């Protein structure tokens, strides 16, 4: 049975399901309580982006300074938790003039679930700023990118789907659909498309953290059937926030290499105009 958290969550909008299910409650001494909900489960345990979002939420609460935005988050996943309460301990390792460095530990029943390292920093408006991309189509390598309204929602075989997918509106644009090939056709492990939460959740860094692991693993384009691809390590670099926080983001993920039972995945989350919102890189086990 899932216990009830306090009615005083920190840094989350309880009007949305995402806000409620990623909320953290301060319980003193740098500790926060959260509840893991089964609606975010994948094949074995919760989605890694969901865990990252909760850890980042606790760090945001610990920093408690809107001028210091998340710049980098690294999470290592030690074991899959069960549904229910977890405790997050956040430690400020250093807070300088512009950057604050933190660590966070998520535990359940005194067992370590995940370790996180975060960096928060102030904006530096007078520093050099540039973006060498030439729009979204240039970034993703297409002549043109269809608008999300013209792309059908991906229908996944219920026997091959996972609960977490119901939280997202996913419009497939790039790459072979999952489990439609055995890899013999030479399909690249590269896929992407339009993505946003199904509910009206403004995209901030916590949402970007969740979305960085919300797309189907691109290696699925090489597989004939679902297989666990548990994340060992996930790093996210936050760049910008979208001009329209309720609109679609375009996501692109690729796995350039898999060997010895592990794969690397690179991800980009982009605004419709091609502005880079976040980059991700993860190491995962190919079971």
Protein backbone atom coordinates (compact mmCIF):
# COMPACT_ATOMS: atom_id res chain seq x y z
CA UNK A 1 0.00 0.00 0.00
CA UNK A 2 1.32 3.45 -0.95
CA UNK A 3 1.48 5.80 2.02
CA UNK A 4 0.29 9.38 1.77
CA UNK A 5 2.85 12.18 1.72
CA UNK A 6 2.38 15.51 3.44
CA UNK A 7 0.16 18.16 1.86
CA UNK A 8 3.17 20.49 1.71
CA UNK A 9 5.21 19.45 -1.35
CA UNK A 10 8.09 21.63 -2.41
CA UNK A 11 8.50 23.08 -5.89
CA UNK A 12 5.73 21.13 -7.64
CA UNK A 13 2.35 22.11 -9.06
CA UNK A 14 -0.10 19.73 -7.42
CA UNK A 15 -2.75 20.71 -9.98
CA UNK A 16 -1.10 18.32 -12.45
CA UNK A 17 -0.50 14.63 -12.10
CA UNK A 18 3.13 15.14 -13.09
CA UNK A 19 3.51 17.71 -10.32
CA UNK A 20 1.94 15.44 -7.74
CA UNK A 21 3.85 12.33 -8.76
CA UNK A 22 7.25 14.07 -8.82
CA UNK A 23 6.68 16.16 -5.69
CA UNK A 24 9.04 16.06 -2.73
CA UNK A 25 8.25 16.91 0.88
CA UNK A 26 10.96 18.35 3.17
CA UNK A 27 11.24 16.43 6.42
CA UNK A 28 14.25 18.24 7.91
CA UNK A 29 18.00 17.86 7.91
CA UNK A 30 18.34 18.01 4.13
CA UNK A 31 15.95 15.08 3.73
CA UNK A 32 12.92 14.88 1.42
CA UNK A 33 10.22 12.26 1.07
CA UNK A 34 8.71 11.31 -2.28
CA UNK A 35 6.33 8.61 -3.49
CA UNK A 36 7.11 6.48 -6.53
CA UNK A 37 3.99 5.76 -8.57
CA UNK A 38 3.52 2.65 -10.70
CA UNK A 39 2.12 4.68 -13.58
CA UNK A 40 5.77 5.55 -14.38
CA UNK A 41 6.92 1.92 -14.60
CA UNK A 42 8.59 0.44 -17.67
CA UNK A 43 9.63 -3.21 -18.11
CA UNK A 44 11.35 -3.56 -14.74
CA UNK A 45 10.87 -0.70 -12.30
CA UNK A 46 10.32 3.01 -12.89
CA UNK A 47 11.56 4.97 -15.88
CA UNK A 48 14.98 6.53 -15.32
CA UNK A 49 13.79 9.97 -16.39
CA UNK A 50 11.10 9.85 -13.71
CA UNK A 51 13.70 9.12 -11.03
CA UNK A 52 15.92 11.91 -12.42
CA UNK A 53 13.01 14.37 -12.27
CA UNK A 54 12.32 13.60 -8.60
CA UNK A 55 16.00 13.90 -7.67
CA UNK A 56 16.23 17.21 -9.51
CA UNK A 57 13.07 18.42 -7.78
CA UNK A 58 14.71 17.77 -4.41
CA UNK A 59 17.86 19.61 -5.49
CA UNK A 60 15.83 22.61 -6.69
CA UNK A 61 14.16 22.70 -3.28
CA UNK A 62 17.51 22.52 -1.50
CA UNK A 63 19.04 25.34 -3.57
CA UNK A 64 15.92 27.47 -3.05
CA UNK A 65 17.19 30.21 -5.36
CA UNK A 66 15.38 30.87 -8.64
CA UNK A 67 18.42 32.71 -10.01
CA UNK A 68 20.46 29.47 -9.83
CA UNK A 69 19.02 27.23 -12.50
CA UNK A 70 19.91 23.56 -13.07
CA UNK A 71 22.80 23.30 -15.53
CA UNK A 72 23.86 19.67 -15.21
CA UNK A 73 22.46 16.51 -13.64
CA UNK A 74 24.10 13.08 -13.52
CA UNK A 75 22.29 10.09 -12.08
CA UNK A 76 23.60 6.58 -11.49
CA UNK A 77 20.97 3.89 -10.96
CA UNK A 78 21.94 1.20 -8.47
CA UNK A 79 18.82 -0.95 -8.13
CA UNK A 80 15.16 -0.79 -9.18
CA UNK A 81 12.85 0.40 -6.39
CA UNK A 82 9.30 -0.69 -5.69
CA UNK A 83 6.22 1.48 -5.65
CA UNK A 84 5.95 3.63 -2.54
CA UNK A 85 7.98 5.95 -0.33
CA UNK A 86 11.59 6.92 -0.93
CA UNK A 87 13.87 9.26 1.00
CA UNK A 88 16.18 11.72 -0.76
CA UNK A 89 19.13 13.23 1.06
CA UNK A 90 20.53 16.37 -0.57
CA UNK A 91 23.92 17.79 0.41
CA UNK A 92 25.27 21.13 -0.81
CA UNK A 93 28.90 20.30 -1.45
CA UNK A 94 29.85 23.86 -2.39
CA UNK A 95 28.09 27.11 -3.19
CA UNK A 96 30.22 29.71 -4.94
CA UNK A 97 29.46 33.09 -6.48
CA UNK A 98 27.86 31.61 -9.58
CA UNK A 99 27.67 27.81 -9.23
CA UNK A 100 26.24 25.53 -6.54
CA UNK A 101 27.26 21.85 -6.50
CA UNK A 102 25.07 19.25 -4.84
CA UNK A 103 24.82 15.52 -4.33
CA UNK A 104 21.64 13.54 -3.71
CA UNK A 105 20.98 9.99 -2.55
CA UNK A 106 17.65 8.23 -3.02
CA UNK A 107 17.02 5.34 -0.63
CA UNK A 108 14.15 2.96 -0.01
CA UNK A 109 14.03 0.75 3.07
CA UNK A 110 17.62 1.83 3.79
CA UNK A 111 18.80 0.55 0.39
CA UNK A 112 20.48 2.95 -2.01
CA UNK A 113 18.44 3.33 -5.20
CA UNK A 114 20.17 6.18 -7.05
CA UNK A 115 23.03 8.65 -6.70
CA UNK A 116 22.94 12.09 -8.28
CA UNK A 117 25.35 14.96 -8.86
CA UNK A 118 23.96 18.36 -9.80
CA UNK A 119 25.30 21.77 -10.75
CA UNK A 120 23.18 24.92 -10.54
CA UNK A 121 24.34 28.28 -11.83
CA UNK A 122 23.31 31.85 -12.40
CA UNK A 123 22.90 33.31 -15.89
CA UNK A 124 25.83 35.31 -17.23
CA UNK A 125 24.15 37.71 -19.70
CA UNK A 126 27.37 39.50 -20.69
CA UNK A 127 29.21 36.34 -21.77
CA UNK A 128 29.68 35.15 -25.37
CA UNK A 129 26.52 33.54 -26.75
CA UNK A 130 26.05 31.78 -30.10
CA UNK A 131 24.19 28.93 -31.80
CA UNK A 132 25.61 27.57 -35.06
CA UNK A 133 22.56 25.48 -35.95
CA UNK A 134 20.39 26.55 -38.88
CA UNK A 135 16.92 25.67 -37.68
CA UNK A 136 15.29 22.41 -36.63
CA UNK A 137 15.47 20.69 -40.02
CA UNK A 138 19.22 21.32 -40.17
CA UNK A 139 19.76 19.96 -36.67
CA UNK A 140 17.86 16.72 -37.24
CA UNK A 141 19.04 16.23 -40.82
CA UNK A 142 15.74 16.53 -42.72
CA UNK A 143 14.74 18.74 -45.64
CA UNK A 144 11.69 19.75 -43.65
CA UNK A 145 10.10 18.71 -40.37
CA UNK A 146 6.35 18.02 -40.31
CA UNK A 147 4.42 20.02 -37.73
CA UNK A 148 3.22 17.86 -34.84
CA UNK A 149 -0.45 18.30 -35.76
CA UNK A 150 0.22 16.56 -39.09
CA UNK A 151 1.84 13.52 -37.47
CA UNK A 152 -0.33 10.74 -36.11
CA UNK A 153 0.03 9.62 -32.51
CA UNK A 154 2.03 6.40 -32.33
CA UNK A 155 -0.14 3.42 -31.54
CA UNK A 156 1.81 0.78 -29.64
CA UNK A 157 0.68 -2.81 -29.27
CA UNK A 158 -0.70 -2.96 -25.69
CA UNK A 159 1.18 -6.22 -25.15
CA UNK A 160 4.42 -4.38 -25.92
CA UNK A 161 3.72 -1.05 -24.25
CA UNK A 162 4.60 0.15 -20.74
CA UNK A 163 2.60 2.29 -18.25
CA UNK A 164 5.00 5.26 -18.45
CA UNK A 165 4.12 5.87 -22.11
CA UNK A 166 0.61 7.03 -21.16
CA UNK A 167 2.09 10.22 -19.68
CA UNK A 168 3.32 11.48 -23.08
CA UNK A 169 1.96 12.58 -26.43
CA UNK A 170 4.46 11.03 -28.84
CA UNK A 171 4.55 11.74 -32.61
CA UNK A 172 7.07 9.59 -34.50
CA UNK A 173 9.02 11.33 -37.29
CA UNK A 174 12.51 9.79 -37.62
CA UNK A 175 13.63 6.17 -37.73
CA UNK A 176 12.02 2.75 -37.96
CA UNK A 177 9.21 2.01 -35.54
CA UNK A 178 10.19 -0.28 -32.65
CA UNK A 179 10.15 -4.03 -33.10
CA UNK A 180 9.49 -3.93 -36.84
CA UNK A 181 12.88 -5.32 -37.87
CA UNK A 182 15.46 -7.82 -36.71
CA UNK A 183 18.28 -5.44 -37.55
CA UNK A 184 19.16 -7.26 -40.74
CA UNK A 185 17.83 -4.41 -42.87
CA UNK A 186 20.54 -2.13 -41.57
CA UNK A 187 18.26 0.24 -39.68
CA UNK A 188 20.20 2.82 -37.70
CA UNK A 189 19.60 3.02 -33.97
CA UNK A 190 18.31 6.56 -34.45
CA UNK A 191 14.80 7.83 -33.82
CA UNK A 192 12.95 10.96 -32.88
CA UNK A 193 9.87 13.07 -33.18
CA UNK A 194 7.56 15.40 -31.32
CA UNK A 195 7.05 14.87 -27.60
CA UNK A 196 5.20 16.60 -24.78
CA UNK A 197 3.31 15.62 -21.61
CA UNK A 198 -0.31 14.65 -22.25
CA UNK A 199 -1.45 17.14 -19.62
CA UNK A 200 -0.80 20.87 -19.57
CA UNK A 201 2.55 20.83 -17.78
CA UNK A 202 4.86 23.81 -18.46
CA UNK A 203 8.24 22.52 -19.60
CA UNK A 204 10.97 23.40 -17.12
CA UNK A 205 14.19 21.61 -16.21
CA UNK A 206 12.36 18.99 -14.14
CA UNK A 207 10.12 18.14 -17.11
CA UNK A 208 13.14 18.12 -19.43
CA UNK A 209 14.84 15.66 -17.08
CA UNK A 210 11.84 13.35 -17.31
CA UNK A 211 11.59 13.74 -21.10
CA UNK A 212 15.28 12.99 -21.59
CA UNK A 213 14.48 9.32 -21.00
CA UNK A 214 10.85 9.23 -22.16
CA UNK A 215 11.35 8.28 -25.83
CA UNK A 216 11.60 4.65 -26.79
CA UNK A 217 15.26 3.56 -26.83
CA UNK A 218 16.52 3.95 -30.41
CA UNK A 219 18.03 0.47 -30.26
CA UNK A 220 14.43 -0.80 -30.43
CA UNK A 221 14.60 0.01 -34.16
CA UNK A 222 17.02 -2.91 -34.43
CA UNK A 223 15.00 -5.39 -32.36
CA UNK A 224 12.09 -7.65 -33.26
CA UNK A 225 10.71 -7.78 -29.70
CA UNK A 226 10.93 -5.72 -26.48
CA UNK A 227 13.97 -6.18 -24.27
CA UNK A 228 15.02 -4.48 -21.04
CA UNK A 229 17.49 -1.62 -21.54
CA UNK A 230 18.09 -0.46 -17.96
CA UNK A 231 20.02 2.76 -17.51
CA UNK A 232 23.32 2.62 -15.64
CA UNK A 233 24.18 6.31 -15.89
CA UNK A 234 22.30 9.34 -17.27
CA UNK A 235 23.74 12.84 -17.68
CA UNK A 236 21.65 15.83 -18.75
CA UNK A 237 22.94 19.29 -19.65
CA UNK A 238 20.25 21.96 -19.55
CA UNK A 239 20.63 24.76 -22.11
CA UNK A 240 17.42 26.77 -22.50
CA UNK A 241 13.71 26.74 -21.80
CA UNK A 242 11.18 26.82 -24.66
CA UNK A 243 9.41 30.02 -25.65
CA UNK A 244 6.13 28.07 -25.53
CA UNK A 245 6.33 26.00 -22.35
CA UNK A 246 3.16 24.06 -23.20
CA UNK A 247 4.12 23.19 -26.77
CA UNK A 248 5.81 20.18 -28.29
CA UNK A 249 9.54 19.60 -28.11
CA UNK A 250 11.37 17.74 -30.85
CA UNK A 251 13.54 14.94 -29.49
CA UNK A 252 16.26 13.02 -31.28
CA UNK A 253 18.02 9.98 -29.83
CA UNK A 254 20.68 7.73 -31.28
CA UNK A 255 22.89 4.88 -30.13
CA UNK A 256 26.06 4.95 -32.22
CA UNK A 257 27.62 1.93 -30.54
CA UNK A 258 26.68 -1.19 -28.59
CA UNK A 259 29.25 -3.72 -27.42
CA UNK A 260 29.92 -6.16 -24.59
CA UNK A 261 26.31 -5.90 -23.43
CA UNK A 262 26.24 -2.08 -23.07
CA UNK A 263 25.13 0.75 -25.32
CA UNK A 264 25.56 4.51 -25.39
CA UNK A 265 22.64 6.79 -26.18
CA UNK A 266 22.90 10.45 -27.17
CA UNK A 267 19.83 12.68 -26.97
CA UNK A 268 18.82 16.19 -27.96
CA UNK A 269 15.66 18.00 -26.86
CA UNK A 270 14.88 20.93 -29.13
CA UNK A 271 12.35 23.73 -29.43
CA UNK A 272 10.35 23.93 -32.69
CA UNK A 273 12.75 26.59 -33.99
CA UNK A 274 15.75 24.32 -33.37
CA UNK A 275 16.88 25.93 -30.12
CA UNK A 276 18.69 23.34 -28.02
CA UNK A 277 16.87 22.88 -24.72
CA UNK A 278 18.84 19.98 -23.26
CA UNK A 279 21.32 17.27 -24.20
CA UNK A 280 21.50 13.83 -22.66
CA UNK A 281 23.92 10.95 -22.70
CA UNK A 282 23.38 7.61 -21.07
CA UNK A 283 25.00 4.25 -20.63
CA UNK A 284 22.56 1.35 -20.58
CA UNK A 285 22.68 -2.41 -20.32
CA UNK A 286 21.49 -4.27 -23.41
CA UNK A 287 19.90 -7.33 -21.86
